[in-house]
Amino acid sequence: APKPQGMTTAADWTRAMATKGFPE
């Protein structure tokens, strides 16, 4: 940060990223 980046989730260990991790 603050450089531009994106990331993805899947039906794996990243599935909760939208509520745990990404908001922060």
mmCIF file of all heavy atoms, coordinates in Angstrom:
data_MODEL
# 
_entry.id   MODEL 
# 
loop_
_atom_site.group_PDB 
_atom_site.id 
_atom_site.type_symbol 
_atom_site.label_atom_id 
_atom_site.label_alt_id 
_atom_site.label_comp_id 
_atom_site.label_asym_id 
_atom_site.label_entity_id 
_atom_site.label_seq_id 
_atom_site.pdbx_PDB_ins_code 
_atom_site.Cartn_x 
_atom_site.Cartn_y 
_atom_site.Cartn_z 
_atom_site.occupancy 
_atom_site.B_iso_or_equiv 
_atom_site.pdbx_formal_charge 
_atom_site.auth_seq_id 
_atom_site.auth_comp_id 
_atom_site.auth_asym_id 
_atom_site.auth_atom_id 
_atom_site.pdbx_PDB_model_num 
ATOM 1   N N   . ALA A 1 1  ? 0.838   -1.201  0.000  1.00 0.00 ? 1  ALA A N   1 
ATOM 2   C CA  . ALA A 1 1  ? 0.000   0.000   0.000  1.00 0.00 ? 1  ALA A CA  1 
ATOM 3   C C   . ALA A 1 1  ? 0.875   1.255   0.000  1.00 0.00 ? 1  ALA A C   1 
ATOM 4   O O   . ALA A 1 1  ? 1.954   1.255   0.611  1.00 0.00 ? 1  ALA A O   1 
ATOM 5   C CB  . ALA A 1 1  ? -0.915  -0.005  1.223  1.00 0.00 ? 1  ALA A CB  1 
ATOM 6   N N   . PRO A 1 2  ? 0.416   2.321   -0.688 1.00 0.00 ? 2  PRO A N   1 
ATOM 7   C CA  . PRO A 1 2  ? -0.882  2.495   -1.352 1.00 0.00 ? 2  PRO A CA  1 
ATOM 8   C C   . PRO A 1 2  ? -0.858  2.188   -2.842 1.00 0.00 ? 2  PRO A C   1 
ATOM 9   O O   . PRO A 1 2  ? -1.742  2.633   -3.574 1.00 0.00 ? 2  PRO A O   1 
ATOM 10  C CB  . PRO A 1 2  ? -1.155  3.978   -1.121 1.00 0.00 ? 2  PRO A CB  1 
ATOM 11  C CG  . PRO A 1 2  ? 0.214   4.600   -1.213 1.00 0.00 ? 2  PRO A CG  1 
ATOM 12  C CD  . PRO A 1 2  ? 1.161   3.602   -0.598 1.00 0.00 ? 2  PRO A CD  1 
ATOM 13  N N   . LYS A 1 3  ? 0.128   1.449   -3.322 1.00 0.00 ? 3  LYS A N   1 
ATOM 14  C CA  . LYS A 1 3  ? 0.192   1.122   -4.742 1.00 0.00 ? 3  LYS A CA  1 
ATOM 15  C C   . LYS A 1 3  ? -0.999  0.241   -5.134 1.00 0.00 ? 3  LYS A C   1 
ATOM 16  O O   . LYS A 1 3  ? -1.535  -0.507  -4.310 1.00 0.00 ? 3  LYS A O   1 
ATOM 17  C CB  . LYS A 1 3  ? 1.502   0.405   -5.057 1.00 0.00 ? 3  LYS A CB  1 
ATOM 18  C CG  . LYS A 1 3  ? 2.755   1.238   -4.876 1.00 0.00 ? 3  LYS A CG  1 
ATOM 19  C CD  . LYS A 1 3  ? 3.989   0.419   -5.223 1.00 0.00 ? 3  LYS A CD  1 
ATOM 20  C CE  . LYS A 1 3  ? 5.273   1.180   -4.991 1.00 0.00 ? 3  LYS A CE  1 
ATOM 21  N NZ  . LYS A 1 3  ? 6.471   0.362   -5.306 1.00 0.00 ? 3  LYS A NZ  1 
ATOM 22  N N   . PRO A 1 4  ? -1.396  0.267   -6.398 1.00 0.00 ? 4  PRO A N   1 
ATOM 23  C CA  . PRO A 1 4  ? -2.578  -0.489  -6.834 1.00 0.00 ? 4  PRO A CA  1 
ATOM 24  C C   . PRO A 1 4  ? -2.336  -1.994  -6.873 1.00 0.00 ? 4  PRO A C   1 
ATOM 25  O O   . PRO A 1 4  ? -1.355  -2.457  -7.457 1.00 0.00 ? 4  PRO A O   1 
ATOM 26  C CB  . PRO A 1 4  ? -2.864  0.061   -8.229 1.00 0.00 ? 4  PRO A CB  1 
ATOM 27  C CG  . PRO A 1 4  ? -1.585  0.687   -8.682 1.00 0.00 ? 4  PRO A CG  1 
ATOM 28  C CD  . PRO A 1 4  ? -0.873  1.158   -7.456 1.00 0.00 ? 4  PRO A CD  1 
ATOM 29  N N   . GLN A 1 5  ? -3.247  -2.727  -6.255 1.00 0.00 ? 5  GLN A N   1 
ATOM 30  C CA  . GLN A 1 5  ? -3.181  -4.186  -6.302 1.00 0.00 ? 5  GLN A CA  1 
ATOM 31  C C   . GLN A 1 5  ? -4.587  -4.768  -6.225 1.00 0.00 ? 5  GLN A C   1 
ATOM 32  O O   . GLN A 1 5  ? -5.514  -4.181  -5.669 1.00 0.00 ? 5  GLN A O   1 
ATOM 33  C CB  . GLN A 1 5  ? -2.302  -4.753  -5.198 1.00 0.00 ? 5  GLN A CB  1 
ATOM 34  C CG  . GLN A 1 5  ? -2.863  -4.678  -3.786 1.00 0.00 ? 5  GLN A CG  1 
ATOM 35  C CD  . GLN A 1 5  ? -2.000  -5.415  -2.765 1.00 0.00 ? 5  GLN A CD  1 
ATOM 36  O OE1 . GLN A 1 5  ? -1.524  -6.522  -3.031 1.00 0.00 ? 5  GLN A OE1 1 
ATOM 37  N NE2 . GLN A 1 5  ? -1.795  -4.809  -1.608 1.00 0.00 ? 5  GLN A NE2 1 
ATOM 38  N N   . GLY A 1 6  ? -4.723  -5.948  -6.804 1.00 0.00 ? 6  GLY A N   1 
ATOM 39  C CA  . GLY A 1 6  ? -5.959  -6.708  -6.705 1.00 0.00 ? 6  GLY A CA  1 
ATOM 40  C C   . GLY A 1 6  ? -5.643  -8.100  -6.221 1.00 0.00 ? 6  GLY A C   1 
ATOM 41  O O   . GLY A 1 6  ? -4.488  -8.528  -6.234 1.00 0.00 ? 6  GLY A O   1 
ATOM 42  N N   . MET A 1 7  ? -6.665  -8.807  -5.788 1.00 0.00 ? 7  MET A N   1 
ATOM 43  C CA  . MET A 1 7  ? -6.485  -10.177 -5.315 1.00 0.00 ? 7  MET A CA  1 
ATOM 44  C C   . MET A 1 7  ? -7.773  -10.935 -5.518 1.00 0.00 ? 7  MET A C   1 
ATOM 45  O O   . MET A 1 7  ? -8.836  -10.335 -5.731 1.00 0.00 ? 7  MET A O   1 
ATOM 46  C CB  . MET A 1 7  ? -6.037  -10.199 -3.851 1.00 0.00 ? 7  MET A CB  1 
ATOM 47  C CG  . MET A 1 7  ? -6.922  -9.438  -2.914 1.00 0.00 ? 7  MET A CG  1 
ATOM 48  S SD  . MET A 1 7  ? -6.078  -8.930  -1.387 1.00 0.00 ? 7  MET A SD  1 
ATOM 49  C CE  . MET A 1 7  ? -4.880  -7.762  -2.001 1.00 0.00 ? 7  MET A CE  1 
ATOM 50  N N   . THR A 1 8  ? -7.705  -12.252 -5.453 1.00 0.00 ? 8  THR A N   1 
ATOM 51  C CA  . THR A 1 8  ? -8.884  -13.079 -5.685 1.00 0.00 ? 8  THR A CA  1 
ATOM 52  C C   . THR A 1 8  ? -9.092  -14.068 -4.555 1.00 0.00 ? 8  THR A C   1 
ATOM 53  O O   . THR A 1 8  ? -8.158  -14.411 -3.821 1.00 0.00 ? 8  THR A O   1 
ATOM 54  C CB  . THR A 1 8  ? -8.749  -13.882 -6.997 1.00 0.00 ? 8  THR A CB  1 
ATOM 55  O OG1 . THR A 1 8  ? -7.757  -14.902 -6.829 1.00 0.00 ? 8  THR A OG1 1 
ATOM 56  C CG2 . THR A 1 8  ? -8.356  -12.991 -8.159 1.00 0.00 ? 8  THR A CG2 1 
ATOM 57  N N   . THR A 1 9  ? -10.334 -14.518 -4.446 1.00 0.00 ? 9  THR A N   1 
ATOM 58  C CA  . THR A 1 9  ? -10.676 -15.587 -3.514 1.00 0.00 ? 9  THR A CA  1 
ATOM 59  C C   . THR A 1 9  ? -11.174 -16.793 -4.291 1.00 0.00 ? 9  THR A C   1 
ATOM 60  O O   . THR A 1 9  ? -11.458 -16.712 -5.484 1.00 0.00 ? 9  THR A O   1 
ATOM 61  C CB  . THR A 1 9  ? -11.755 -15.134 -2.522 1.00 0.00 ? 9  THR A CB  1 
ATOM 62  O OG1 . THR A 1 9  ? -12.961 -14.817 -3.252 1.00 0.00 ? 9  THR A OG1 1 
ATOM 63  C CG2 . THR A 1 9  ? -11.309 -13.927 -1.726 1.00 0.00 ? 9  THR A CG2 1 
ATOM 64  N N   . ALA A 1 10 ? -11.303 -17.907 -3.596 1.00 0.00 ? 10 ALA A N   1 
ATOM 65  C CA  . ALA A 1 10 ? -11.833 -19.140 -4.181 1.00 0.00 ? 10 ALA A CA  1 
ATOM 66  C C   . ALA A 1 10 ? -12.457 -19.955 -3.058 1.00 0.00 ? 10 ALA A C   1 
ATOM 67  O O   . ALA A 1 10 ? -12.459 -19.540 -1.895 1.00 0.00 ? 10 ALA A O   1 
ATOM 68  C CB  . ALA A 1 10 ? -10.724 -19.930 -4.885 1.00 0.00 ? 10 ALA A CB  1 
ATOM 69  N N   . ALA A 1 11 ? -12.989 -21.099 -3.410 1.00 0.00 ? 11 ALA A N   1 
ATOM 70  C CA  . ALA A 1 11 ? -13.562 -21.992 -2.397 1.00 0.00 ? 11 ALA A CA  1 
ATOM 71  C C   . ALA A 1 11 ? -12.424 -22.763 -1.734 1.00 0.00 ? 11 ALA A C   1 
ATOM 72  O O   . ALA A 1 11 ? -12.316 -23.984 -1.831 1.00 0.00 ? 11 ALA A O   1 
ATOM 73  C CB  . ALA A 1 11 ? -14.572 -22.935 -3.033 1.00 0.00 ? 11 ALA A CB  1 
ATOM 74  N N   . ASP A 1 12 ? -11.562 -22.009 -1.054 1.00 0.00 ? 12 ASP A N   1 
ATOM 75  C CA  . ASP A 1 12 ? -10.421 -22.586 -0.364 1.00 0.00 ? 12 ASP A CA  1 
ATOM 76  C C   . ASP A 1 12 ? -10.181 -21.742 0.891  1.00 0.00 ? 12 ASP A C   1 
ATOM 77  O O   . ASP A 1 12 ? -11.118 -21.137 1.427  1.00 0.00 ? 12 ASP A O   1 
ATOM 78  C CB  . ASP A 1 12 ? -9.184  -22.630 -1.280 1.00 0.00 ? 12 ASP A CB  1 
ATOM 79  C CG  . ASP A 1 12 ? -8.818  -21.262 -1.861 1.00 0.00 ? 12 ASP A CG  1 
ATOM 80  O OD1 . ASP A 1 12 ? -9.276  -20.230 -1.315 1.00 0.00 ? 12 ASP A OD1 1 
ATOM 81  O OD2 . ASP A 1 12 ? -8.060  -21.201 -2.847 1.00 0.00 ? 12 ASP A OD2 1 
ATOM 82  N N   . TRP A 1 13 ? -8.950  -21.659 1.364  1.00 0.00 ? 13 TRP A N   1 
ATOM 83  C CA  . TRP A 1 13 ? -8.644  -20.915 2.588  1.00 0.00 ? 13 TRP A CA  1 
ATOM 84  C C   . TRP A 1 13 ? -8.843  -19.408 2.448  1.00 0.00 ? 13 TRP A C   1 
ATOM 85  O O   . TRP A 1 13 ? -8.811  -18.689 3.445  1.00 0.00 ? 13 TRP A O   1 
ATOM 86  C CB  . TRP A 1 13 ? -7.211  -21.204 3.016  1.00 0.00 ? 13 TRP A CB  1 
ATOM 87  C CG  . TRP A 1 13 ? -6.211  -20.982 1.916  1.00 0.00 ? 13 TRP A CG  1 
ATOM 88  C CD1 . TRP A 1 13 ? -5.582  -19.823 1.595  1.00 0.00 ? 13 TRP A CD1 1 
ATOM 89  C CD2 . TRP A 1 13 ? -5.763  -21.949 0.970  1.00 0.00 ? 13 TRP A CD2 1 
ATOM 90  N NE1 . TRP A 1 13 ? -4.758  -19.992 0.515  1.00 0.00 ? 13 TRP A NE1 1 
ATOM 91  C CE2 . TRP A 1 13 ? -4.848  -21.296 0.108  1.00 0.00 ? 13 TRP A CE2 1 
ATOM 92  C CE3 . TRP A 1 13 ? -6.031  -23.313 0.764  1.00 0.00 ? 13 TRP A CE3 1 
ATOM 93  C CZ2 . TRP A 1 13 ? -4.208  -21.957 -0.946 1.00 0.00 ? 13 TRP A CZ2 1 
ATOM 94  C CZ3 . TRP A 1 13 ? -5.391  -23.958 -0.278 1.00 0.00 ? 13 TRP A CZ3 1 
ATOM 95  C CH2 . TRP A 1 13 ? -4.488  -23.285 -1.117 1.00 0.00 ? 13 TRP A CH2 1 
ATOM 96  N N   . THR A 1 14 ? -9.068  -18.937 1.216  1.00 0.00 ? 14 THR A N   1 
ATOM 97  C CA  . THR A 1 14 ? -9.291  -17.498 1.016  1.00 0.00 ? 14 THR A CA  1 
ATOM 98  C C   . THR A 1 14 ? -10.775 -17.130 1.036  1.00 0.00 ? 14 THR A C   1 
ATOM 99  O O   . THR A 1 14 ? -11.111 -15.954 0.875  1.00 0.00 ? 14 THR A O   1 
ATOM 100 C CB  . THR A 1 14 ? -8.687  -17.041 -0.324 1.00 0.00 ? 14 THR A CB  1 
ATOM 101 O OG1 . THR A 1 14 ? -9.358  -17.723 -1.401 1.00 0.00 ? 14 THR A OG1 1 
ATOM 102 C CG2 . THR A 1 14 ? -7.195  -17.359 -0.389 1.00 0.00 ? 14 THR A CG2 1 
ATOM 103 N N   . ARG A 1 15 ? -11.667 -18.096 1.235  1.00 0.00 ? 15 ARG A N   1 
ATOM 104 C CA  . ARG A 1 15 ? -13.102 -17.861 1.060  1.00 0.00 ? 15 ARG A CA  1 
ATOM 105 C C   . ARG A 1 15 ? -13.651 -16.770 1.987  1.00 0.00 ? 15 ARG A C   1 
ATOM 106 O O   . ARG A 1 15 ? -14.627 -16.099 1.638  1.00 0.00 ? 15 ARG A O   1 
ATOM 107 C CB  . ARG A 1 15 ? -13.885 -19.161 1.261  1.00 0.00 ? 15 ARG A CB  1 
ATOM 108 C CG  . ARG A 1 15 ? -13.912 -19.663 2.685  1.00 0.00 ? 15 ARG A CG  1 
ATOM 109 C CD  . ARG A 1 15 ? -14.808 -20.901 2.851  1.00 0.00 ? 15 ARG A CD  1 
ATOM 110 N NE  . ARG A 1 15 ? -14.182 -22.097 2.300  1.00 0.00 ? 15 ARG A NE  1 
ATOM 111 C CZ  . ARG A 1 15 ? -14.730 -22.838 1.337  1.00 0.00 ? 15 ARG A CZ  1 
ATOM 112 N NH1 . ARG A 1 15 ? -15.893 -22.488 0.823  1.00 0.00 ? 15 ARG A NH1 1 
ATOM 113 N NH2 . ARG A 1 15 ? -14.114 -23.906 0.899  1.00 0.00 ? 15 ARG A NH2 1 
ATOM 114 N N   . ALA A 1 16 ? -13.033 -16.571 3.160  1.00 0.00 ? 16 ALA A N   1 
ATOM 115 C CA  . ALA A 1 16 ? -13.558 -15.580 4.122  1.00 0.00 ? 16 ALA A CA  1 
ATOM 116 C C   . ALA A 1 16 ? -12.883 -14.221 3.993  1.00 0.00 ? 16 ALA A C   1 
ATOM 117 O O   . ALA A 1 16 ? -13.134 -13.329 4.815  1.00 0.00 ? 16 ALA A O   1 
ATOM 118 C CB  . ALA A 1 16 ? -13.398 -16.111 5.543  1.00 0.00 ? 16 ALA A CB  1 
ATOM 119 N N   . MET A 1 17 ? -12.052 -14.028 2.976  1.00 0.00 ? 17 MET A N   1 
ATOM 120 C CA  . MET A 1 17 ? -11.272 -12.801 2.868  1.00 0.00 ? 17 MET A CA  1 
ATOM 121 C C   . MET A 1 17 ? -12.151 -11.554 2.795  1.00 0.00 ? 17 MET A C   1 
ATOM 122 O O   . MET A 1 17 ? -11.776 -10.485 3.290  1.00 0.00 ? 17 MET A O   1 
ATOM 123 C CB  . MET A 1 17 ? -10.365 -12.899 1.640  1.00 0.00 ? 17 MET A CB  1 
ATOM 124 C CG  . MET A 1 17 ? -9.442  -11.719 1.434  1.00 0.00 ? 17 MET A CG  1 
ATOM 125 S SD  . MET A 1 17 ? -8.218  -11.535 2.745  1.00 0.00 ? 17 MET A SD  1 
ATOM 126 C CE  . MET A 1 17 ? -7.347  -10.081 2.169  1.00 0.00 ? 17 MET A CE  1 
ATOM 127 N N   . ALA A 1 18 ? -13.332 -11.672 2.210  1.00 0.00 ? 18 ALA A N   1 
ATOM 128 C CA  . ALA A 1 18 ? -14.199 -10.502 2.056  1.00 0.00 ? 18 ALA A CA  1 
ATOM 129 C C   . ALA A 1 18 ? -14.600 -9.901  3.393  1.00 0.00 ? 18 ALA A C   1 
ATOM 130 O O   . ALA A 1 18 ? -14.836 -8.694  3.498  1.00 0.00 ? 18 ALA A O   1 
ATOM 131 C CB  . ALA A 1 18 ? -15.442 -10.872 1.249  1.00 0.00 ? 18 ALA A CB  1 
ATOM 132 N N   . THR A 1 19 ? -14.671 -10.729 4.427  1.00 0.00 ? 19 THR A N   1 
ATOM 133 C CA  . THR A 1 19 ? -15.065 -10.242 5.760  1.00 0.00 ? 19 THR A CA  1 
ATOM 134 C C   . THR A 1 19 ? -13.931 -10.292 6.773  1.00 0.00 ? 19 THR A C   1 
ATOM 135 O O   . THR A 1 19 ? -13.997 -9.628  7.806  1.00 0.00 ? 19 THR A O   1 
ATOM 136 C CB  . THR A 1 19 ? -16.251 -11.065 6.303  1.00 0.00 ? 19 THR A CB  1 
ATOM 137 O OG1 . THR A 1 19 ? -15.876 -12.456 6.352  1.00 0.00 ? 19 THR A OG1 1 
ATOM 138 C CG2 . THR A 1 19 ? -17.470 -10.897 5.409  1.00 0.00 ? 19 THR A CG2 1 
ATOM 139 N N   . LYS A 1 20 ? -12.901 -11.072 6.484  1.00 0.00 ? 20 LYS A N   1 
ATOM 140 C CA  . LYS A 1 20 ? -11.767 -11.196 7.393  1.00 0.00 ? 20 LYS A CA  1 
ATOM 141 C C   . LYS A 1 20 ? -10.472 -10.931 6.624  1.00 0.00 ? 20 LYS A C   1 
ATOM 142 O O   . LYS A 1 20 ? -9.971  -11.803 5.930  1.00 0.00 ? 20 LYS A O   1 
ATOM 143 C CB  . LYS A 1 20 ? -11.710 -12.599 8.012  1.00 0.00 ? 20 LYS A CB  1 
ATOM 144 C CG  . LYS A 1 20 ? -12.880 -12.933 8.924  1.00 0.00 ? 20 LYS A CG  1 
ATOM 145 C CD  . LYS A 1 20 ? -12.721 -14.335 9.499  1.00 0.00 ? 20 LYS A CD  1 
ATOM 146 C CE  . LYS A 1 20 ? -13.869 -14.680 10.432 1.00 0.00 ? 20 LYS A CE  1 
ATOM 147 N NZ  . LYS A 1 20 ? -13.712 -16.046 10.999 1.00 0.00 ? 20 LYS A NZ  1 
ATOM 148 N N   . GLY A 1 21 ? -9.997  -9.736  6.733  1.00 0.00 ? 21 GLY A N   1 
ATOM 149 C CA  . GLY A 1 21 ? -8.740  -9.394  6.080  1.00 0.00 ? 21 GLY A CA  1 
ATOM 150 C C   . GLY A 1 21 ? -8.877  -8.252  5.101  1.00 0.00 ? 21 GLY A C   1 
ATOM 151 O O   . GLY A 1 21 ? -8.185  -7.230  5.215  1.00 0.00 ? 21 GLY A O   1 
ATOM 152 N N   . PHE A 1 22 ? -9.781  -8.397  4.139  1.00 0.00 ? 22 PHE A N   1 
ATOM 153 C CA  . PHE A 1 22 ? -9.897  -7.336  3.136  1.00 0.00 ? 22 PHE A CA  1 
ATOM 154 C C   . PHE A 1 22 ? -10.451 -6.034  3.710  1.00 0.00 ? 22 PHE A C   1 
ATOM 155 O O   . PHE A 1 22 ? -9.952  -4.949  3.349  1.00 0.00 ? 22 PHE A O   1 
ATOM 156 C CB  . PHE A 1 22 ? -10.749 -7.786  1.949  1.00 0.00 ? 22 PHE A CB  1 
ATOM 157 C CG  . PHE A 1 22 ? -10.760 -6.776  0.836  1.00 0.00 ? 22 PHE A CG  1 
ATOM 158 C CD1 . PHE A 1 22 ? -9.641  -6.590  0.038  1.00 0.00 ? 22 PHE A CD1 1 
ATOM 159 C CD2 . PHE A 1 22 ? -11.872 -5.974  0.614  1.00 0.00 ? 22 PHE A CD2 1 
ATOM 160 C CE1 . PHE A 1 22 ? -9.630  -5.637  -0.973 1.00 0.00 ? 22 PHE A CE1 1 
ATOM 161 C CE2 . PHE A 1 22 ? -11.872 -5.021  -0.396 1.00 0.00 ? 22 PHE A CE2 1 
ATOM 162 C CZ  . PHE A 1 22 ? -10.748 -4.850  -1.190 1.00 0.00 ? 22 PHE A CZ  1 
ATOM 163 N N   . PRO A 1 23 ? -11.474 -6.060  4.586  1.00 0.00 ? 23 PRO A N   1 
ATOM 164 C CA  . PRO A 1 23 ? -11.936 -4.777  5.154  1.00 0.00 ? 23 PRO A CA  1 
ATOM 165 C C   . PRO A 1 23 ? -10.813 -4.012  5.853  1.00 0.00 ? 23 PRO A C   1 
ATOM 166 O O   . PRO A 1 23 ? -10.732 -2.778  5.734  1.00 0.00 ? 23 PRO A O   1 
ATOM 167 C CB  . PRO A 1 23 ? -13.026 -5.212  6.145  1.00 0.00 ? 23 PRO A CB  1 
ATOM 168 C CG  . PRO A 1 23 ? -13.536 -6.502  5.599  1.00 0.00 ? 23 PRO A CG  1 
ATOM 169 C CD  . PRO A 1 23 ? -12.323 -7.187  5.033  1.00 0.00 ? 23 PRO A CD  1 
ATOM 170 N N   . GLU A 1 24 ? -9.939  -4.723  6.545  1.00 0.00 ? 24 GLU A N   1 
ATOM 171 C CA  . GLU A 1 24 ? -8.822  -4.069  7.223  1.00 0.00 ? 24 GLU A CA  1 
ATOM 172 C C   . GLU A 1 24 ? -7.796  -3.533  6.214  1.00 0.00 ? 24 GLU A C   1 
ATOM 173 O O   . GLU A 1 24 ? -7.221  -2.460  6.401  1.00 0.00 ? 24 GLU A O   1 
ATOM 174 C CB  . GLU A 1 24 ? -8.158  -5.046  8.191  1.00 0.00 ? 24 GLU A CB  1 
ATOM 175 C CG  . GLU A 1 24 ? -9.020  -5.446  9.381  1.00 0.00 ? 24 GLU A CG  1 
ATOM 176 C CD  . GLU A 1 24 ? -10.083 -6.480  9.045  1.00 0.00 ? 24 GLU A CD  1 
ATOM 177 O OE1 . GLU A 1 24 ? -10.014 -7.087  7.954  1.00 0.00 ? 24 GLU A OE1 1 
ATOM 178 O OE2 . GLU A 1 24 ? -10.979 -6.706  9.888  1.00 0.00 ? 24 GLU A OE2 1 
# 
